[in-house]
Protein backbone atom coordinates (compact mmCIF):
# COMPACT_ATOMS: atom_id res chain seq x y z
CA MET A 1 34.81 -52.08 81.14
CA THR A 2 36.76 -51.71 84.47
CA ASN A 3 36.83 -54.46 87.14
CA ASN A 4 36.27 -53.65 90.84
CA PHE A 5 39.28 -53.07 92.70
CA GLY A 6 40.30 -52.20 96.17
CA SER A 7 43.00 -51.45 98.56
CA ASN A 8 43.44 -54.98 99.52
CA ASN A 9 44.31 -55.80 95.83
CA LEU A 10 46.98 -53.09 95.97
CA ASP A 11 48.87 -54.75 98.92
CA ASP A 12 48.74 -58.17 97.19
CA LEU A 13 50.09 -56.68 93.87
CA PHE A 14 52.93 -54.79 95.76
CA ALA A 15 53.82 -58.12 97.36
CA ASP A 16 53.98 -59.69 93.84
CA ALA A 17 55.97 -56.80 92.50
CA LEU A 18 58.39 -57.46 95.56
CA THR A 19 58.69 -61.07 94.72
CA GLY A 20 59.22 -60.33 91.17
CA GLY A 21 62.00 -58.00 91.85
CA ILE A 22 60.26 -54.83 90.45
CA ILE A 23 60.56 -52.98 93.93
CA GLY A 24 62.55 -53.73 96.94
CA ALA A 25 61.50 -54.00 100.53
CA GLN A 26 61.72 -50.39 101.49
CA SER A 27 59.47 -49.46 98.52
CA ALA A 28 56.97 -52.26 99.40
CA SER A 29 56.77 -50.89 102.81
CA LEU A 30 56.45 -47.28 101.59
CA LEU A 31 53.66 -48.19 99.37
CA SER A 32 51.58 -50.97 101.21
CA GLY A 33 48.83 -49.76 103.38
CA ASN A 34 49.87 -45.98 102.87
CA LEU A 35 48.16 -45.03 99.63
CA GLY A 36 44.60 -43.81 99.28
CA SER A 37 41.68 -43.91 97.03
CA VAL A 38 43.51 -42.09 94.09
CA VAL A 39 45.93 -44.84 93.75
CA VAL A 40 43.02 -47.38 93.68
CA ALA A 41 41.50 -45.25 90.94
CA GLY A 42 44.83 -45.13 89.04
CA ALA A 43 45.28 -48.84 89.25
CA ALA A 44 41.83 -49.84 88.36
CA ARG A 45 42.16 -51.95 85.21
CA LYS A 46 40.25 -52.83 82.06
CA ASP A 47 39.13 -56.43 81.71
CA MET A 48 41.97 -58.48 80.29
CA GLU A 49 39.89 -59.58 77.19
CA ASP A 50 39.54 -55.82 76.36
CA ILE A 51 43.41 -55.64 75.93
CA VAL A 52 44.16 -56.90 72.44
CA ALA A 53 47.97 -56.24 72.23
CA SER A 54 50.45 -58.83 73.25
CA ASP A 55 53.00 -56.26 74.44
CA VAL A 56 51.92 -53.20 76.26
CA THR A 57 53.52 -49.82 76.86
CA LEU A 58 52.01 -47.96 79.77
CA ILE A 59 52.40 -44.31 79.58
CA THR A 60 51.50 -42.10 82.52
CA VAL A 61 51.29 -38.36 82.15
CA LEU A 62 51.23 -36.30 85.38
CA LEU A 63 50.24 -32.81 84.55
CA ASP A 64 50.61 -29.70 86.85
CA ALA A 65 47.27 -27.75 87.27
CA SER A 66 48.54 -25.37 89.78
CA SER A 67 47.47 -21.66 89.83
CA SER A 68 50.64 -20.44 88.36
CA ILE A 69 49.66 -22.04 84.96
CA ALA A 70 46.60 -19.88 85.11
CA THR A 71 48.67 -16.81 86.29
CA SER A 72 50.79 -17.34 83.24
CA GLY A 73 47.89 -17.54 80.83
CA LEU A 74 48.92 -21.06 79.95
CA GLU A 75 45.73 -23.13 80.65
CA GLN A 76 44.59 -23.36 76.96
CA GLY A 77 48.14 -23.90 75.91
CA VAL A 78 48.40 -26.91 78.08
CA ARG A 79 44.98 -28.28 76.94
CA ASP A 80 46.02 -27.80 73.34
CA GLY A 81 49.63 -29.20 73.80
CA TYR A 82 48.33 -32.31 75.56
CA ASN A 83 45.72 -32.97 72.85
CA VAL A 84 48.57 -32.82 70.36
CA LEU A 85 50.36 -35.54 72.35
CA VAL A 86 47.22 -37.70 72.38
CA ASP A 87 46.82 -37.22 68.61
CA THR A 88 50.31 -38.22 67.86
CA PHE A 89 49.85 -41.46 69.65
CA MET A 90 46.65 -42.08 67.96
CA GLN A 91 48.38 -41.70 64.64
CA SER A 92 51.34 -43.68 65.51
CA LYS A 93 51.81 -47.37 64.31
CA GLU A 94 52.30 -48.33 68.02
CA ARG A 95 48.69 -47.09 68.92
CA ASP A 96 47.29 -50.58 69.67
CA SER A 97 50.03 -51.29 72.16
CA ILE A 98 49.86 -47.99 74.02
CA MET A 99 47.86 -47.64 77.12
CA LEU A 100 47.65 -43.98 78.56
CA ALA A 101 46.84 -42.86 82.03
CA LEU A 102 46.30 -39.12 82.78
CA TRP A 103 46.62 -37.49 86.08
CA THR A 104 46.36 -33.76 86.89
CA PHE A 105 47.75 -32.41 90.19
CA THR A 106 47.80 -29.39 92.40
CA ASP A 107 48.23 -30.00 96.21
CA THR A 108 45.85 -33.06 95.47
CA GLN A 109 45.73 -35.55 92.68
CA THR A 110 43.02 -36.20 90.15
CA VAL A 111 42.91 -39.29 87.95
CA VAL A 112 41.33 -37.98 84.77
CA HIS A 113 41.49 -41.66 83.55
CA SER A 114 43.39 -44.72 84.50
CA TYR A 115 45.09 -46.87 81.75
CA MET A 116 42.96 -46.72 78.56
CA PRO A 117 43.81 -47.89 75.03
CA ILE A 118 44.92 -44.60 73.20
CA LEU A 119 41.87 -44.41 71.11
CA GLU A 120 39.70 -44.24 74.24
CA ALA A 121 41.87 -41.59 75.67
CA THR A 122 40.18 -38.38 77.12
CA LYS A 123 41.31 -35.00 75.73
CA LEU A 124 41.52 -31.83 77.78
CA ASP A 125 39.10 -28.92 77.80
CA ALA A 126 37.74 -26.48 80.26
CA SER A 127 35.62 -29.06 81.87
CA ASN A 128 38.42 -31.34 82.91
CA TYR A 129 41.41 -28.96 83.16
CA SER A 130 41.66 -25.73 85.19
CA ALA A 131 44.52 -24.38 86.98
CA ASP A 132 44.02 -23.57 90.71
CA GLY A 133 46.03 -24.44 93.84
CA ALA A 134 49.35 -25.31 95.06
CA THR A 135 51.95 -27.73 93.70
CA ALA A 136 52.74 -31.28 95.16
CA PRO A 137 54.75 -33.14 92.55
CA TYR A 138 56.39 -35.49 95.40
CA ASP A 139 53.16 -36.82 96.56
CA THR A 140 51.95 -37.10 92.93
CA TRP A 141 55.13 -38.94 92.03
CA CYS A 142 54.67 -41.57 94.80
CA GLN A 143 51.04 -42.00 94.25
CA ALA A 144 51.25 -42.36 90.37
CA LEU A 145 54.23 -44.74 90.65
CA GLY A 146 52.24 -46.83 93.10
CA ALA A 147 49.30 -47.16 90.69
CA ASN A 148 51.59 -47.90 87.78
CA ILE A 149 53.32 -50.66 89.75
CA ALA A 150 49.92 -52.30 90.59
CA TYR A 151 48.56 -51.97 87.13
CA ALA A 152 51.78 -53.34 85.52
CA GLN A 153 51.81 -56.19 88.05
CA GLN A 154 48.25 -57.17 86.97
CA LEU A 155 49.45 -57.56 83.39
CA ARG A 156 52.47 -59.38 84.25
CA ASN A 157 50.30 -61.86 86.42
CA THR A 158 48.28 -62.64 83.38
CA GLY A 159 51.32 -63.10 81.18
CA THR A 160 51.21 -59.77 79.29
CA PRO A 161 54.64 -58.28 79.01
CA CYS A 162 54.68 -54.44 79.53
CA ARG A 163 57.03 -51.63 80.00
CA SER A 164 56.12 -48.24 81.78
CA ILE A 165 56.93 -44.63 80.90
CA VAL A 166 56.11 -42.16 83.64
CA VAL A 167 56.60 -38.44 82.85
CA VAL A 168 55.66 -35.42 85.30
CA ILE A 169 55.26 -31.98 83.56
CA THR A 170 55.51 -28.99 86.09
CA ASP A 171 55.99 -25.34 86.31
CA GLY A 172 57.08 -24.87 89.81
CA ASP A 173 58.81 -26.27 92.93
CA ASP A 174 57.01 -28.55 95.33
CA CYS A 175 54.71 -26.76 97.80
CA GLY A 176 52.87 -28.84 100.31
CA SER A 177 53.87 -32.51 99.65
CA ARG A 178 53.93 -34.86 102.57
CA ARG A 179 56.20 -37.14 100.77
CA THR A 180 59.88 -36.36 100.51
CA THR A 181 62.39 -36.31 97.75
CA THR A 182 64.17 -39.13 99.64
CA GLU A 183 61.13 -41.21 99.33
CA CYS A 184 60.74 -40.42 95.74
CA ALA A 185 64.30 -41.16 94.89
CA SER A 186 64.08 -44.61 96.82
CA LEU A 187 61.09 -45.73 94.73
CA SER A 188 62.58 -44.31 91.56
CA ARG A 189 66.00 -46.29 92.04
CA ASP A 190 64.02 -49.62 92.43
CA LEU A 191 61.96 -49.03 89.41
CA LEU A 192 64.84 -48.11 87.20
CA ARG A 193 66.84 -50.96 88.60
CA SER A 194 64.09 -53.27 87.25
CA GLU A 195 64.74 -52.10 83.81
CA GLN A 196 60.96 -52.11 83.07
CA PHE A 197 60.63 -48.37 83.67
CA THR A 198 61.58 -45.13 82.20
CA LEU A 199 61.06 -42.12 84.51
CA ALA A 200 61.14 -38.45 82.93
CA PHE A 201 60.59 -34.98 84.21
CA VAL A 202 59.81 -31.75 82.25
CA GLY A 203 60.10 -28.45 83.83
CA VAL A 204 58.27 -25.51 82.09
CA GLY A 205 59.69 -22.01 82.50
CA PRO A 206 63.29 -20.67 83.26
CA GLU A 207 65.69 -23.28 84.19
CA GLY A 208 65.76 -22.41 87.86
CA THR A 209 65.93 -25.49 90.18
CA PHE A 210 64.16 -27.97 87.84
CA ARG A 211 67.14 -30.33 87.14
CA ASP A 212 68.14 -30.17 90.77
CA VAL A 213 64.58 -31.17 91.82
CA ALA A 214 64.26 -33.95 89.28
CA ARG A 215 67.63 -35.40 90.26
CA SER A 216 66.53 -35.49 94.01
CA MET A 217 63.47 -37.34 93.05
CA GLY A 218 65.64 -39.95 91.28
CA VAL A 219 65.06 -39.07 87.67
CA PRO A 220 68.15 -39.76 85.48
CA ASP A 221 69.99 -36.65 84.03
CA ASN A 222 69.26 -37.89 80.39
CA CYS A 223 65.40 -38.05 81.11
CA ILE A 224 65.18 -34.41 82.40
CA GLU A 225 64.11 -31.53 80.10
CA VAL A 226 63.53 -27.85 80.60
CA GLN A 227 61.12 -25.86 78.19
CA ALA A 228 62.15 -22.45 79.04
CA ALA A 229 59.71 -20.98 76.48
CA ALA A 230 56.65 -20.82 78.74
CA ASN A 231 54.14 -19.92 76.07
CA PRO A 232 51.61 -21.82 73.82
CA ALA A 233 54.17 -22.40 71.10
CA GLY A 234 56.74 -23.77 73.61
CA LEU A 235 54.11 -26.04 75.24
CA ARG A 236 53.21 -27.51 71.74
CA LYS A 237 56.87 -28.20 71.21
CA MET A 238 57.36 -29.82 74.68
CA PHE A 239 54.32 -32.01 74.25
CA HIS A 240 55.43 -33.15 70.78
CA MET A 241 58.86 -33.91 72.07
CA VAL A 242 57.28 -36.00 74.97
CA SER A 243 54.94 -37.89 72.53
CA GLN A 244 58.00 -38.78 70.07
CA SER A 245 60.07 -39.74 72.99
CA ALA A 246 57.58 -42.13 74.28
CA ILE A 247 56.82 -43.61 70.86
CA ARG A 248 60.64 -44.42 70.57
CA ALA A 249 60.51 -46.02 73.91
CA SER A 250 57.46 -48.27 72.91
CA GLN A 251 59.44 -49.33 69.90
CA ALA A 252 62.25 -50.51 72.33
CA MET A 253 64.50 -47.83 70.68
CA ILE A 254 65.24 -46.25 74.30
CA ARG A 255 66.50 -48.57 76.88
CA PRO A 256 64.69 -48.51 80.08
CA GLY A 257 66.23 -48.00 83.52
CA SER A 258 68.92 -45.58 84.57
CA GLN A 259 70.61 -45.46 81.33
CA ALA A 260 67.45 -44.28 79.48
CA GLY A 261 68.01 -41.31 77.00
CA PHE A 262 64.40 -40.42 76.95
CA PHE A 263 64.81 -37.02 75.32
CA THR A 264 67.64 -37.81 73.06
CA PRO A 265 66.70 -37.09 69.38
């Protein structure tokens, strides 16, 4: 069950996050009154009584669905790889404390589902994942971080401790975002400073500019990974790596913040 939620709630929650030291004044200004319905959808919450864990790990996966995925023949590989990630979470001892949100993005963003217990998470198939469009990771980053801040603040306001892991998976450079890397980096710095967040970036394909792009968005070096093998086997390997890293982080084996070694074996 999900409670009714609106943009006014977002501004209140961003104000609470500012007071609580999760974000600074610049990030609060960037977020407040400047995010649309996709953030409302991403922050919509399950009733608190439906959350059984006393300590929650919020995992947000931002998955590129641009046309280059289809051109490379990787649509089914992405679906299969992501479903392996969900299965890995389901089989882990931490499954009761994990809540997963899935966004897909082109030049717009789609919330496949907001934060759900892992046993209720949606898997990908041809009906909910098809690749077509440009790539706007900067817009997606700011929108998704805003939704995560709001959702996590709801948990904190009810006394539920939580940590957040946000990982973007993309095969190309930004094309068409209205947000800038400067805005992404400012928001990332605040969240990393709070030591409640782990922010990660995976580039799929030849090395290219992935690391430079991720750094410009404020992602720490040890939370950046490039999967050069842009084929189904490489995608399975990448999604398995993300799931294992997220499980280690949920076990508090990976320190959040700028010192996080998310992809360290």
